[in-house]
Amino acid sequence: LIVILFISYFLIPTVYDKNLVKIELEKQILKKYNLEVKFEDDISYRLLPKPHFFSGKITIKHNNSVIAESNNSRIFITIKNFFSSKELKIKNLFFKKTEFNIDSNNANFFKQILNSNKSNHNLKFKNSILFYKNEVKDVVLIVDLDNLNFFYNDELDQQLNANYKIFNIPFDLIVKNDPKKKEIFSKIKSHKIRLN
């Protein structure tokens, strides 16, 4: 009986109204991460490896324009209260196969996300690509983003870790923002070109 009740509790989100869940998740993502998203596909609830909602397509907006589209997104939720969809709380965000289209008008998007992170929950992008475009919308730079991770570190600094390739040259980037000291520390390295 205990096992049945335990499993039943974790399956409660399967009966939620998916449209209401979409609205609630979009509001929470905007509030917690300052990230404006729109679910373009239906969402589904999955129990493993951890309780989360999955969506095949999500668009990300910045300054009233779509700057990214993700084809594989997971919104991990806490397990504290599954009895109401309005009580859902986001734990971590994971975006995979995201295509960014960035230009000079929205290049501050990543800085805004870094500075807005005020929780110990992670925001991750994996196996993504970034196209940087000039004024006439021609692509001038392509960046392969293996990993892009926004989080709070042990010193409670807002941190960005990135592993990416430009012209097949791998780079590692660490950016730490200390809001109290109002200092930003950046480190970039590439073994291939002996840069540190």
Protein backbone atom coordinates (compact mmCIF):
# COMPACT_ATOMS: atom_id res chain seq x y z
CA LEU A 1 0.00 0.00 0.00
CA ILE A 2 2.84 2.39 0.87
CA VAL A 3 4.58 1.65 -2.44
CA ILE A 4 1.34 2.23 -4.38
CA LEU A 5 0.71 5.54 -2.59
CA PHE A 6 4.32 6.60 -3.17
CA ILE A 7 4.15 5.89 -6.90
CA SER A 8 0.70 7.47 -7.18
CA TYR A 9 2.01 10.70 -5.67
CA PHE A 10 4.75 10.97 -8.29
CA LEU A 11 2.24 10.32 -11.07
CA ILE A 12 -0.12 13.14 -10.06
CA PRO A 13 1.39 15.60 -12.63
CA THR A 14 0.22 13.31 -15.45
CA VAL A 15 -3.37 14.49 -14.82
CA TYR A 16 -2.57 18.22 -14.80
CA ASP A 17 -4.10 20.46 -17.46
CA LYS A 18 -1.07 20.82 -19.76
CA ASN A 19 -2.06 24.31 -20.94
CA LEU A 20 -2.19 25.58 -17.37
CA VAL A 21 1.16 23.93 -16.65
CA LYS A 22 2.70 25.68 -19.67
CA ILE A 23 1.50 29.06 -18.44
CA GLU A 24 2.75 28.42 -14.91
CA LEU A 25 6.17 27.20 -16.08
CA GLU A 26 6.60 30.17 -18.45
CA LYS A 27 5.83 32.58 -15.58
CA GLN A 28 8.23 30.86 -13.20
CA ILE A 29 11.05 30.73 -15.76
CA LEU A 30 10.65 34.45 -16.42
CA LYS A 31 10.59 35.29 -12.73
CA LYS A 32 13.41 33.01 -11.61
CA TYR A 33 15.81 33.22 -14.58
CA ASN A 34 14.67 36.40 -16.37
CA LEU A 35 14.26 34.16 -19.38
CA GLU A 36 11.24 34.66 -21.62
CA VAL A 37 10.22 31.33 -23.14
CA LYS A 38 7.26 30.07 -25.16
CA PHE A 39 6.27 26.42 -25.40
CA GLU A 40 5.56 25.74 -29.06
CA ASP A 41 4.86 22.00 -28.66
CA ASP A 42 2.86 19.99 -26.18
CA ILE A 43 4.60 19.15 -22.94
CA SER A 44 4.80 15.73 -21.34
CA TYR A 45 5.58 14.66 -17.80
CA ARG A 46 8.40 12.19 -17.18
CA LEU A 47 9.37 10.58 -13.92
CA LEU A 48 12.90 9.39 -14.73
CA PRO A 49 15.71 10.19 -14.10
CA LYS A 50 14.02 12.90 -11.96
CA PRO A 51 10.50 14.37 -12.19
CA HIS A 52 10.43 16.83 -15.08
CA PHE A 53 8.40 18.20 -17.96
CA PHE A 54 9.69 17.67 -21.49
CA SER A 55 9.02 19.80 -24.55
CA GLY A 56 10.18 19.22 -28.11
CA LYS A 57 10.24 22.89 -29.08
CA ILE A 58 10.68 26.05 -27.02
CA THR A 59 11.43 29.53 -28.32
CA ILE A 60 13.42 32.05 -26.29
CA LYS A 61 12.78 35.77 -26.64
CA HIS A 62 14.89 38.80 -25.77
CA ASN A 63 13.99 42.45 -26.41
CA ASN A 64 10.71 41.35 -28.04
CA SER A 65 12.36 39.16 -30.67
CA VAL A 66 12.99 35.42 -30.88
CA ILE A 67 16.71 34.79 -30.45
CA ALA A 68 16.78 31.03 -29.88
CA GLU A 69 14.89 27.84 -30.51
CA SER A 70 15.45 24.67 -28.51
CA ASN A 71 14.40 21.26 -29.79
CA ASN A 72 14.85 19.31 -26.58
CA SER A 73 14.01 20.94 -23.25
CA ARG A 74 13.58 19.59 -19.76
CA ILE A 75 12.17 21.53 -16.82
CA PHE A 76 13.02 19.71 -13.60
CA ILE A 77 10.64 20.31 -10.70
CA THR A 78 10.80 19.87 -6.94
CA ILE A 79 8.86 17.01 -5.38
CA LYS A 80 7.49 18.99 -2.42
CA ASN A 81 3.90 19.45 -3.52
CA PHE A 82 2.34 17.64 -6.48
CA PHE A 83 -1.28 18.08 -5.37
CA SER A 84 -1.80 21.26 -7.38
CA SER A 85 -0.26 22.45 -10.65
CA LYS A 86 -0.09 25.95 -9.16
CA GLU A 87 2.26 24.64 -6.47
CA LEU A 88 4.85 23.42 -8.96
CA LYS A 89 8.35 24.78 -8.37
CA ILE A 90 11.12 24.68 -10.95
CA LYS A 91 14.42 23.23 -9.81
CA ASN A 92 16.65 23.26 -12.91
CA LEU A 93 16.37 24.02 -16.63
CA PHE A 94 18.06 21.98 -19.32
CA PHE A 95 18.02 22.92 -23.01
CA LYS A 96 19.55 20.71 -25.70
CA LYS A 97 20.06 21.36 -29.42
CA THR A 98 19.39 25.08 -29.11
CA GLU A 99 20.02 27.38 -32.07
CA PHE A 100 20.89 30.96 -31.08
CA ASN A 101 20.65 33.85 -33.55
CA ILE A 102 22.50 36.77 -31.99
CA ASP A 103 23.36 40.25 -33.27
CA SER A 104 24.51 43.53 -31.74
CA ASN A 105 20.94 44.33 -30.59
CA ASN A 106 20.67 41.29 -28.34
CA ALA A 107 24.30 40.37 -27.59
CA ASN A 108 23.75 41.32 -23.94
CA PHE A 109 21.35 38.38 -23.52
CA PHE A 110 23.93 36.13 -21.84
CA LYS A 111 25.08 38.91 -19.52
CA GLN A 112 21.47 39.55 -18.50
CA ILE A 113 20.92 35.87 -17.70
CA LEU A 114 24.14 35.74 -15.65
CA ASN A 115 23.23 38.85 -13.65
CA SER A 116 19.64 37.71 -13.11
CA ASN A 117 20.45 34.34 -11.58
CA LYS A 118 19.57 34.68 -7.90
CA SER A 119 18.96 31.04 -7.07
CA ASN A 120 21.07 27.94 -6.67
CA HIS A 121 19.25 26.28 -9.55
CA ASN A 122 21.09 25.59 -12.79
CA LEU A 123 20.32 26.74 -16.30
CA LYS A 124 22.10 24.58 -18.89
CA PHE A 125 22.42 24.57 -22.66
CA LYS A 126 24.04 21.54 -24.31
CA ASN A 127 24.97 20.56 -27.87
CA SER A 128 23.87 23.93 -29.20
CA ILE A 129 25.00 26.37 -31.86
CA LEU A 130 25.25 30.16 -31.97
CA PHE A 131 25.07 32.24 -35.14
CA TYR A 132 26.30 35.81 -34.77
CA LYS A 133 24.93 38.11 -37.50
CA ASN A 134 25.92 41.57 -38.70
CA GLU A 135 23.64 44.54 -39.47
CA VAL A 136 22.43 43.03 -42.77
CA LYS A 137 21.72 39.66 -41.10
CA ASP A 138 24.70 37.86 -42.64
CA VAL A 139 26.30 35.22 -40.42
CA VAL A 140 29.82 36.36 -39.52
CA LEU A 141 30.59 33.89 -36.72
CA ILE A 142 29.48 30.36 -35.84
CA VAL A 143 30.08 29.02 -32.34
CA ASP A 144 29.56 25.36 -31.42
CA LEU A 145 28.36 25.36 -27.79
CA ASP A 146 29.11 22.00 -26.22
CA ASN A 147 28.09 23.23 -22.76
CA LEU A 148 26.81 26.53 -21.41
CA ASN A 149 25.95 26.51 -17.73
CA PHE A 150 24.64 29.33 -15.48
CA PHE A 151 24.69 28.66 -11.73
CA TYR A 152 25.57 29.87 -8.23
CA ASN A 153 29.02 28.71 -7.13
CA ASP A 154 30.22 27.85 -3.60
CA GLU A 155 31.15 31.48 -2.92
CA LEU A 156 27.60 32.52 -3.91
CA ASP A 157 28.86 34.24 -7.05
CA GLN A 158 26.84 34.12 -10.23
CA GLN A 159 28.87 31.97 -12.59
CA LEU A 160 28.89 31.01 -16.26
CA ASN A 161 30.91 28.03 -17.50
CA ALA A 162 31.15 27.37 -21.22
CA ASN A 163 32.89 24.86 -23.47
CA TYR A 164 32.71 25.82 -27.11
CA LYS A 165 34.49 25.76 -30.46
CA ILE A 166 35.22 28.57 -32.90
CA PHE A 167 36.71 27.45 -36.24
CA ASN A 168 37.16 24.00 -34.63
CA ILE A 169 39.37 25.49 -31.91
CA PRO A 170 38.07 24.47 -28.46
CA PHE A 171 37.78 27.09 -25.72
CA ASP A 172 36.84 27.00 -22.05
CA LEU A 173 35.29 30.11 -20.53
CA ILE A 174 34.57 30.93 -16.89
CA VAL A 175 32.83 34.15 -15.89
CA LYS A 176 32.15 34.94 -12.23
CA ASN A 177 30.05 37.87 -11.15
CA ASP A 178 30.32 39.01 -7.53
CA PRO A 179 27.29 41.30 -6.97
CA LYS A 180 28.47 42.37 -3.51
CA LYS A 181 31.92 43.52 -4.62
CA LYS A 182 30.61 44.52 -8.05
CA GLU A 183 33.46 42.64 -9.68
CA ILE A 184 33.52 40.32 -12.67
CA PHE A 185 36.26 37.73 -13.12
CA SER A 186 36.74 36.12 -16.53
CA LYS A 187 39.05 33.33 -17.60
CA ILE A 188 39.39 31.93 -21.10
CA LYS A 189 41.72 29.15 -22.16
CA SER A 190 42.44 26.97 -25.15
CA HIS A 191 45.10 24.28 -25.04
CA LYS A 192 45.16 24.03 -28.83
CA ILE A 193 46.47 27.59 -29.29
CA ARG A 194 48.19 27.73 -25.85
CA LEU A 195 45.94 30.51 -24.63
CA ASN A 196 45.27 31.10 -20.95
